[in-house]
Amino acid sequence: MTEQREVRIPFADLFNVVVECACGAELSIDFSKEEARKVDWDHSESFACPACHKTFDSNLRLGFSKFLDWQDTVIESKQRISFRVKNPN
């Protein structure tokens, strides 16, 4: 029997989002940086893969906006929240 191990990641530590393109390239967005947090993700221009320049799905912008709103709400609440994820090791 294999023991499943989990890792807890505090919600406040979830700032860097990586979007993987079909071409294999990755776009990393660091939401701890003020420039990324100031973007109006609901109404921003489309954004594209840095390697092949294919435009990412516009629903991602909406998701980023909702993520930042939720993150601000959770952090302001001062409630400790974490995510459990399977340990890859």
C-alpha atoms as a PDB file:
ATOM      1  CA  MET A   1       0.000   0.000   0.000  1.00  0.00           C
ATOM      2  CA  THR A   2       1.340   3.404  -0.979  1.00  0.00           C
ATOM      3  CA  GLU A   3       1.125   6.174   1.568  1.00  0.00           C
ATOM      4  CA  GLN A   4      -0.189   9.428   0.141  1.00  0.00           C
ATOM      5  CA  ARG A   5       1.533  12.469   1.466  1.00  0.00           C
ATOM      6  CA  GLU A   6       0.234  15.972   1.265  1.00  0.00           C
ATOM      7  CA  VAL A   7       1.815  19.376   1.407  1.00  0.00           C
ATOM      8  CA  ARG A   8       0.032  22.444   2.747  1.00  0.00           C
ATOM      9  CA  ILE A   9       0.552  25.693   0.927  1.00  0.00           C
ATOM     10  CA  PRO A  10      -0.616  28.815   2.748  1.00  0.00           C
ATOM     11  CA  PHE A  11      -2.997  30.880   0.650  1.00  0.00           C
ATOM     12  CA  ALA A  12      -0.889  33.987   1.258  1.00  0.00           C
ATOM     13  CA  ASP A  13       2.004  32.225  -0.551  1.00  0.00           C
ATOM     14  CA  LEU A  14       0.046  31.763  -3.792  1.00  0.00           C
ATOM     15  CA  PHE A  15       1.331  34.674  -5.817  1.00  0.00           C
ATOM     16  CA  ASN A  16       3.153  33.254  -8.800  1.00  0.00           C
ATOM     17  CA  VAL A  17       0.915  31.843 -11.527  1.00  0.00           C
ATOM     18  CA  VAL A  18       2.370  29.883 -14.429  1.00  0.00           C
ATOM     19  CA  VAL A  19       0.398  29.529 -17.666  1.00  0.00           C
ATOM     20  CA  GLU A  20       1.642  26.754 -19.937  1.00  0.00           C
ATOM     21  CA  CYS A  21       1.103  27.151 -23.667  1.00  0.00           C
ATOM     22  CA  ALA A  22       0.410  24.256 -26.030  1.00  0.00           C
ATOM     23  CA  CYS A  23       3.860  24.895 -27.547  1.00  0.00           C
ATOM     24  CA  GLY A  24       5.443  24.071 -24.170  1.00  0.00           C
ATOM     25  CA  ALA A  25       6.521  27.593 -23.260  1.00  0.00           C
ATOM     26  CA  GLU A  26       5.466  29.062 -19.927  1.00  0.00           C
ATOM     27  CA  LEU A  27       4.340  32.527 -18.940  1.00  0.00           C
ATOM     28  CA  SER A  28       4.919  33.322 -15.280  1.00  0.00           C
ATOM     29  CA  ILE A  29       2.915  36.116 -13.652  1.00  0.00           C
ATOM     30  CA  ASP A  30       4.086  37.250 -10.220  1.00  0.00           C
ATOM     31  CA  PHE A  31       1.040  38.685  -8.464  1.00  0.00           C
ATOM     32  CA  SER A  32       3.216  39.782  -5.540  1.00  0.00           C
ATOM     33  CA  LYS A  33       4.512  42.535  -7.828  1.00  0.00           C
ATOM     34  CA  GLU A  34       2.444  45.697  -7.853  1.00  0.00           C
ATOM     35  CA  GLU A  35       2.551  45.968 -11.674  1.00  0.00           C
ATOM     36  CA  ALA A  36       0.685  42.668 -12.074  1.00  0.00           C
ATOM     37  CA  ARG A  37      -1.837  43.530  -9.357  1.00  0.00           C
ATOM     38  CA  LYS A  38      -2.629  46.911 -10.959  1.00  0.00           C
ATOM     39  CA  VAL A  39      -3.631  45.384 -14.305  1.00  0.00           C
ATOM     40  CA  ASP A  40      -7.377  45.570 -14.924  1.00  0.00           C
ATOM     41  CA  TRP A  41      -7.526  41.911 -15.899  1.00  0.00           C
ATOM     42  CA  ASP A  42     -11.247  42.117 -16.743  1.00  0.00           C
ATOM     43  CA  HIS A  43     -10.627  44.686 -19.449  1.00  0.00           C
ATOM     44  CA  SER A  44      -6.955  44.268 -20.317  1.00  0.00           C
ATOM     45  CA  GLU A  45      -5.693  43.623 -23.802  1.00  0.00           C
ATOM     46  CA  SER A  46      -5.365  39.994 -24.738  1.00  0.00           C
ATOM     47  CA  PHE A  47      -2.107  38.427 -23.719  1.00  0.00           C
ATOM     48  CA  ALA A  48      -0.109  35.860 -25.622  1.00  0.00           C
ATOM     49  CA  CYS A  49       2.561  33.210 -25.310  1.00  0.00           C
ATOM     50  CA  PRO A  50       6.029  34.778 -25.177  1.00  0.00           C
ATOM     51  CA  ALA A  51       7.402  32.083 -27.518  1.00  0.00           C
ATOM     52  CA  CYS A  52       4.810  31.399 -30.245  1.00  0.00           C
ATOM     53  CA  HIS A  53       2.669  34.530 -29.709  1.00  0.00           C
ATOM     54  CA  LYS A  54      -0.570  32.526 -29.677  1.00  0.00           C
ATOM     55  CA  THR A  55      -3.222  34.392 -27.677  1.00  0.00           C
ATOM     56  CA  PHE A  56      -4.274  32.722 -24.426  1.00  0.00           C
ATOM     57  CA  ASP A  57      -7.963  32.100 -23.731  1.00  0.00           C
ATOM     58  CA  SER A  58      -9.669  35.335 -22.652  1.00  0.00           C
ATOM     59  CA  ASN A  59     -11.304  33.489 -19.745  1.00  0.00           C
ATOM     60  CA  LEU A  60      -7.886  33.434 -18.066  1.00  0.00           C
ATOM     61  CA  ARG A  61      -8.025  37.219 -17.656  1.00  0.00           C
ATOM     62  CA  LEU A  62     -11.368  36.900 -15.883  1.00  0.00           C
ATOM     63  CA  GLY A  63      -9.961  34.121 -13.708  1.00  0.00           C
ATOM     64  CA  PHE A  64      -6.948  36.240 -12.741  1.00  0.00           C
ATOM     65  CA  SER A  65      -9.229  39.124 -11.792  1.00  0.00           C
ATOM     66  CA  LYS A  66     -11.401  36.884  -9.611  1.00  0.00           C
ATOM     67  CA  PHE A  67      -8.332  35.249  -8.058  1.00  0.00           C
ATOM     68  CA  LEU A  68      -6.919  38.646  -7.053  1.00  0.00           C
ATOM     69  CA  ASP A  69     -10.277  39.774  -5.624  1.00  0.00           C
ATOM     70  CA  TRP A  70     -10.560  36.558  -3.616  1.00  0.00           C
ATOM     71  CA  GLN A  71      -6.948  36.772  -2.498  1.00  0.00           C
ATOM     72  CA  ASP A  72      -7.443  40.345  -1.241  1.00  0.00           C
ATOM     73  CA  THR A  73     -10.606  39.328   0.629  1.00  0.00           C
ATOM     74  CA  VAL A  74      -8.952  36.327   2.265  1.00  0.00           C
ATOM     75  CA  ILE A  75      -5.834  38.253   3.265  1.00  0.00           C
ATOM     76  CA  GLU A  76      -7.920  41.097   4.723  1.00  0.00           C
ATOM     77  CA  SER A  77      -9.901  38.584   6.782  1.00  0.00           C
ATOM     78  CA  LYS A  78      -6.673  37.522   8.529  1.00  0.00           C
ATOM     79  CA  GLN A  79      -8.044  33.957   8.557  1.00  0.00           C
ATOM     80  CA  ARG A  80      -5.357  31.335   8.012  1.00  0.00           C
ATOM     81  CA  ILE A  81      -6.224  29.342   4.924  1.00  0.00           C
ATOM     82  CA  SER A  82      -4.105  26.780   3.124  1.00  0.00           C
ATOM     83  CA  PHE A  83      -4.426  24.373   0.225  1.00  0.00           C
ATOM     84  CA  ARG A  84      -3.579  20.717   0.509  1.00  0.00           C
ATOM     85  CA  VAL A  85      -1.802  19.338  -2.490  1.00  0.00           C
ATOM     86  CA  LYS A  86      -0.401  15.909  -3.175  1.00  0.00           C
ATOM     87  CA  ASN A  87       3.297  15.733  -2.550  1.00  0.00           C
ATOM     88  CA  PRO A  88       4.936  14.820  -5.854  1.00  0.00           C
ATOM     89  CA  ASN A  89       7.759  12.979  -4.069  1.00  0.00           C
END
